[in-house]
Amino acid sequence: MIEWFDSHCHIDEEAFDADREEVLARMREHGITRSAVIGSDMETSRRAIAYAAAHRDSVAVGGIHPHEASGFREEDIEVLAEWYRKGQIRAIGEIGLDFYYDHSPRDVQREVCIRQMELAWELKAPVAYHIRDAHQEMLEIMKGMKSRLTGGIIHCFSGSAEMAKEYLKLGYYISFAGPLTFKKAPRLQEAVKLIPKDRLLIETDSPYMAPEPVRGRRNEPANVRFVGLKMAELRGEDPEEVARYTTANACSVYGI
């Protein structure tokens, strides 16, 4: 059986409370042997840590999402640092900018994102980025902090091939989720063909962003195989090869 790594999911969320064991069984059935569970604020980061502690095949990532930036407190930084130093989280995230929903003011998003990027530098920790409708703005921040970047993942990549090249120059991995499988996704499908094998990841972002052929339903980690299979098709590679190198890349970035 092909073994896959879901590099970004939210399986700890309430959407899975009613049938989490069945979801986990489907993961095993379809060869999803590892997952990274991602926090979006301090509460969900704690929940991700608890989930990873109870499931040996998972790791946790903790941070404050741009949607939640307005709730940031300076003391959160020391808590995140302690979690990372203890090995309870393997990266800082998901952090970044979201100018599509603007749930937090843009200046607050920038401030909280930069503060967490500075923390990652202090810890020498990788970062998981959420970037939506803000790629140019995020690149400006990254380039301004170029000497203090620690690498990490551009999660659920939504940009062009040219944008992917810019992130690659800065040392980041590029992760593709369900939208890669959509019929009307030419930019993503062109970009995935150009990224080196040693910089590619796959993810579900479940319970969100379900891929074809389950688009429109609640997403779950077992569906990461559909992203991997589409990546293999687009790149002209064997699914086993894609599973191998995307798993190796996820293990590398998360220090497994």
Protein backbone atom coordinates (compact mmCIF):
# COMPACT_ATOMS: atom_id res chain seq x y z
CA MET A 1 0.00 0.00 0.00
CA ILE A 2 1.16 3.53 -0.80
CA GLU A 3 1.82 5.53 2.39
CA TRP A 4 0.98 9.25 2.48
CA PHE A 5 1.68 12.11 4.93
CA ASP A 6 -1.07 14.73 5.42
CA SER A 7 1.16 17.69 6.21
CA HIS A 8 -1.64 20.05 7.36
CA CYS A 9 -4.99 19.14 8.88
CA HIS A 10 -7.34 20.09 11.70
CA ILE A 11 -8.58 16.66 12.72
CA ASP A 12 -8.85 17.82 16.33
CA GLU A 13 -11.69 20.21 15.42
CA GLU A 14 -15.32 19.77 16.49
CA ALA A 15 -16.27 18.76 12.95
CA PHE A 16 -14.78 15.33 13.75
CA ASP A 17 -16.09 14.89 17.29
CA ALA A 18 -18.97 12.60 16.27
CA ASP A 19 -16.94 10.13 14.22
CA ARG A 20 -13.23 10.72 14.80
CA GLU A 21 -12.47 7.01 15.28
CA GLU A 22 -14.08 6.19 11.93
CA VAL A 23 -12.05 8.98 10.32
CA LEU A 24 -8.87 7.55 11.81
CA ALA A 25 -9.81 4.08 10.56
CA ARG A 26 -10.22 5.46 7.03
CA MET A 27 -6.81 7.08 7.28
CA ARG A 28 -5.23 3.72 8.05
CA GLU A 29 -7.30 1.98 5.39
CA HIS A 30 -6.03 4.34 2.69
CA GLY A 31 -2.39 4.46 3.77
CA ILE A 32 -2.25 7.85 5.49
CA THR A 33 0.34 6.95 8.08
CA ARG A 34 1.30 10.41 9.38
CA SER A 35 -0.34 13.79 9.87
CA ALA A 36 0.45 17.26 11.17
CA VAL A 37 -2.31 18.82 13.26
CA ILE A 38 -2.28 22.61 13.10
CA GLY A 39 -3.44 25.23 15.58
CA SER A 40 -4.95 28.57 14.62
CA ASP A 41 -4.97 30.26 18.05
CA MET A 42 -3.79 29.36 21.53
CA GLU A 43 -6.82 27.19 22.33
CA THR A 44 -6.68 25.16 19.12
CA SER A 45 -2.89 24.90 19.44
CA ARG A 46 -3.34 23.33 22.89
CA ARG A 47 -5.87 20.97 21.36
CA ALA A 48 -3.44 20.05 18.58
CA ILE A 49 -0.76 19.31 21.18
CA ALA A 50 -3.14 17.05 23.11
CA TYR A 51 -4.14 15.24 19.94
CA ALA A 52 -0.54 14.66 18.85
CA ALA A 53 0.38 13.43 22.34
CA ALA A 54 -2.37 10.82 22.07
CA HIS A 55 -1.55 9.73 18.51
CA ARG A 56 2.02 8.68 17.85
CA ASP A 57 1.64 9.12 14.09
CA SER A 58 0.89 12.86 14.45
CA VAL A 59 2.81 16.03 15.23
CA ALA A 60 1.42 19.38 16.38
CA VAL A 61 2.02 22.90 15.11
CA GLY A 62 1.05 25.95 17.17
CA GLY A 63 0.51 29.61 16.36
CA ILE A 64 -1.95 32.40 15.72
CA HIS A 65 -3.74 32.51 12.37
CA PRO A 66 -4.34 35.90 10.71
CA HIS A 67 -8.07 35.47 11.33
CA GLU A 68 -7.32 35.39 15.06
CA ALA A 69 -4.66 38.11 15.11
CA SER A 70 -6.91 40.56 16.97
CA GLY A 71 -6.88 38.22 19.96
CA PHE A 72 -3.07 38.08 20.19
CA ARG A 73 -1.48 38.78 23.58
CA GLU A 74 2.23 39.33 24.12
CA GLU A 75 2.32 36.52 26.70
CA ASP A 76 1.30 34.11 23.93
CA ILE A 77 4.82 34.39 22.53
CA GLU A 78 6.43 32.90 25.63
CA VAL A 79 3.89 30.07 25.71
CA LEU A 80 4.60 29.22 22.07
CA ALA A 81 8.32 29.32 22.80
CA GLU A 82 7.93 26.95 25.72
CA TRP A 83 5.88 24.52 23.65
CA TYR A 84 8.52 24.49 20.93
CA ARG A 85 11.44 24.08 23.31
CA LYS A 86 9.67 21.11 24.94
CA GLY A 87 9.04 19.51 21.55
CA GLN A 88 5.27 19.77 21.92
CA ILE A 89 4.99 21.67 18.64
CA ARG A 90 7.25 21.13 15.62
CA ALA A 91 6.72 24.50 13.92
CA ILE A 92 5.14 27.91 14.45
CA GLY A 93 1.85 28.21 12.58
CA GLU A 94 -0.31 28.65 10.99
CA ILE A 95 0.54 32.33 10.72
CA GLY A 96 0.43 34.81 7.87
CA LEU A 97 -1.88 37.21 6.06
CA ASP A 98 -5.46 36.77 4.82
CA PHE A 99 -6.71 39.78 2.86
CA TYR A 100 -9.64 37.80 1.43
CA TYR A 101 -11.71 37.59 4.62
CA ASP A 102 -10.00 40.36 6.64
CA HIS A 103 -11.32 38.93 9.92
CA SER A 104 -8.59 40.94 11.65
CA PRO A 105 -7.40 44.41 10.53
CA ARG A 106 -4.55 44.17 8.04
CA ASP A 107 -2.11 46.14 10.14
CA VAL A 108 -2.80 43.82 13.08
CA GLN A 109 -2.31 40.78 10.86
CA ARG A 110 1.07 42.10 9.75
CA GLU A 111 2.17 42.91 13.29
CA VAL A 112 1.20 39.52 14.71
CA CYS A 113 2.69 37.66 11.76
CA ILE A 114 6.02 39.48 12.06
CA ARG A 115 6.12 38.93 15.82
CA GLN A 116 5.75 35.19 15.31
CA MET A 117 8.32 35.18 12.50
CA GLU A 118 10.73 36.86 14.91
CA LEU A 119 9.95 34.18 17.48
CA ALA A 120 10.70 31.48 14.91
CA TRP A 121 14.07 33.12 14.28
CA GLU A 122 14.84 33.15 18.00
CA LEU A 123 13.92 29.46 18.25
CA LYS A 124 15.33 28.47 14.82
CA ALA A 125 11.90 26.93 14.21
CA PRO A 126 10.18 26.32 10.85
CA VAL A 127 7.01 28.24 10.07
CA ALA A 128 3.69 27.18 8.50
CA TYR A 129 2.21 30.10 6.55
CA HIS A 130 -1.39 30.83 5.61
CA ILE A 131 -1.40 33.35 2.76
CA ARG A 132 -4.58 34.30 0.90
CA ASP A 133 -4.92 37.25 -1.47
CA ALA A 134 -1.75 38.64 0.11
CA HIS A 135 1.17 36.97 -1.65
CA GLN A 136 2.87 40.19 -2.72
CA GLU A 137 2.52 41.69 0.75
CA MET A 138 3.86 38.53 2.38
CA LEU A 139 6.82 38.39 0.03
CA GLU A 140 7.68 41.99 0.90
CA ILE A 141 7.75 41.06 4.59
CA MET A 142 9.81 37.93 3.93
CA LYS A 143 12.33 39.72 1.76
CA GLY A 144 12.66 42.44 4.38
CA MET A 145 13.46 39.75 6.95
CA LYS A 146 15.48 37.57 4.58
CA SER A 147 18.44 37.09 6.91
CA ARG A 148 16.12 35.96 9.70
CA LEU A 149 13.92 33.48 7.86
CA THR A 150 13.96 29.92 9.15
CA GLY A 151 12.19 28.11 6.33
CA GLY A 152 8.97 26.17 6.55
CA ILE A 153 5.84 25.65 4.51
CA ILE A 154 3.63 27.77 2.29
CA HIS A 155 0.47 25.87 3.17
CA CYS A 156 -2.43 25.37 0.73
CA PHE A 157 -0.52 27.23 -1.97
CA SER A 158 -2.82 29.48 -4.01
CA GLY A 159 -0.40 31.50 -6.13
CA SER A 160 1.15 31.31 -9.58
CA ALA A 161 4.24 29.50 -10.80
CA GLU A 162 6.14 32.79 -10.64
CA MET A 163 5.08 33.29 -7.04
CA ALA A 164 6.12 29.74 -6.15
CA LYS A 165 9.58 30.45 -7.55
CA GLU A 166 9.90 33.45 -5.23
CA TYR A 167 9.05 31.33 -2.19
CA LEU A 168 11.49 28.66 -3.32
CA LYS A 169 14.27 31.25 -3.51
CA LEU A 170 13.57 32.05 0.15
CA GLY A 171 13.92 28.38 1.13
CA TYR A 172 10.29 27.35 1.60
CA TYR A 173 8.44 24.15 0.86
CA ILE A 174 5.25 24.49 -1.21
CA SER A 175 2.23 22.47 -0.08
CA PHE A 176 -0.75 21.69 -2.30
CA ALA A 177 -4.25 20.88 -1.07
CA GLY A 178 -7.64 20.06 -2.61
CA PRO A 179 -7.75 22.98 -5.06
CA LEU A 180 -4.98 21.31 -7.08
CA THR A 181 -7.58 18.73 -8.16
CA PHE A 182 -10.20 21.26 -9.27
CA LYS A 183 -10.99 21.53 -12.97
CA LYS A 184 -10.57 25.30 -12.99
CA ALA A 185 -7.14 25.50 -11.36
CA PRO A 186 -4.73 26.11 -14.26
CA ARG A 187 -2.33 28.31 -12.27
CA LEU A 188 -1.88 25.71 -9.54
CA GLN A 189 -1.58 22.87 -12.02
CA GLU A 190 1.10 24.73 -13.93
CA ALA A 191 2.97 25.65 -10.76
CA VAL A 192 3.10 22.10 -9.41
CA LYS A 193 4.91 20.91 -12.53
CA LEU A 194 7.78 23.33 -11.98
CA ILE A 195 8.57 22.81 -8.31
CA PRO A 196 11.51 20.50 -7.48
CA LYS A 197 10.68 17.20 -5.81
CA ASP A 198 12.56 18.13 -2.68
CA ARG A 199 10.27 21.14 -2.06
CA LEU A 200 6.80 19.62 -2.50
CA LEU A 201 4.23 18.65 0.14
CA ILE A 202 0.60 17.52 0.08
CA GLU A 203 -2.16 18.22 2.59
CA THR A 204 -5.91 18.24 3.13
CA ASP A 205 -6.45 21.27 5.40
CA SER A 206 -9.37 19.12 6.56
CA PRO A 207 -12.19 19.62 7.38
CA TYR A 208 -11.88 22.30 4.67
CA MET A 209 -10.97 22.31 0.96
CA ALA A 210 -12.14 18.83 -0.02
CA PRO A 211 -10.60 17.64 -3.31
CA GLU A 212 -12.25 16.03 -6.29
CA PRO A 213 -13.98 13.56 -6.27
CA VAL A 214 -15.38 14.46 -2.82
CA ARG A 215 -15.55 18.23 -3.33
CA GLY A 216 -18.35 19.87 -1.36
CA ARG A 217 -18.23 17.38 1.50
CA ARG A 218 -16.41 17.57 4.81
CA ASN A 219 -12.78 16.91 4.09
CA GLU A 220 -10.69 14.39 6.06
CA PRO A 221 -7.06 13.19 6.06
CA ALA A 222 -7.83 10.04 4.05
CA ASN A 223 -8.49 12.34 1.08
CA VAL A 224 -4.89 13.49 0.89
CA ARG A 225 -4.35 10.58 -1.47
CA PHE A 226 -6.46 12.36 -4.10
CA VAL A 227 -4.12 15.35 -3.95
CA GLY A 228 -1.12 13.06 -4.24
CA LEU A 229 -2.59 11.17 -7.18
CA LYS A 230 -3.38 14.42 -9.01
CA MET A 231 0.16 15.65 -8.37
CA ALA A 232 1.52 12.43 -9.85
CA GLU A 233 -0.72 12.77 -12.90
CA LEU A 234 0.26 16.39 -13.56
CA ARG A 235 3.98 15.75 -13.09
CA GLY A 236 4.04 12.47 -15.01
CA GLU A 237 5.34 10.52 -12.00
CA ASP A 238 4.37 7.31 -10.25
CA PRO A 239 2.11 7.80 -7.21
CA GLU A 240 4.57 5.76 -5.14
CA GLU A 241 7.33 8.23 -5.99
CA VAL A 242 5.18 11.24 -5.08
CA ALA A 243 4.20 9.61 -1.79
CA ARG A 244 7.83 8.86 -1.03
CA TYR A 245 9.25 12.32 -1.61
CA THR A 246 6.34 14.31 -0.14
CA THR A 247 6.54 12.17 3.00
CA ALA A 248 10.31 12.62 3.20
CA ASN A 249 9.90 16.38 2.80
CA ALA A 250 7.25 16.57 5.53
CA CYS A 251 9.45 14.56 7.87
CA SER A 252 12.34 16.88 7.11
CA VAL A 253 10.49 20.14 7.76
CA TYR A 254 8.88 18.83 10.96
CA GLY A 255 12.11 17.30 12.26
CA ILE A 256 10.84 13.71 12.32
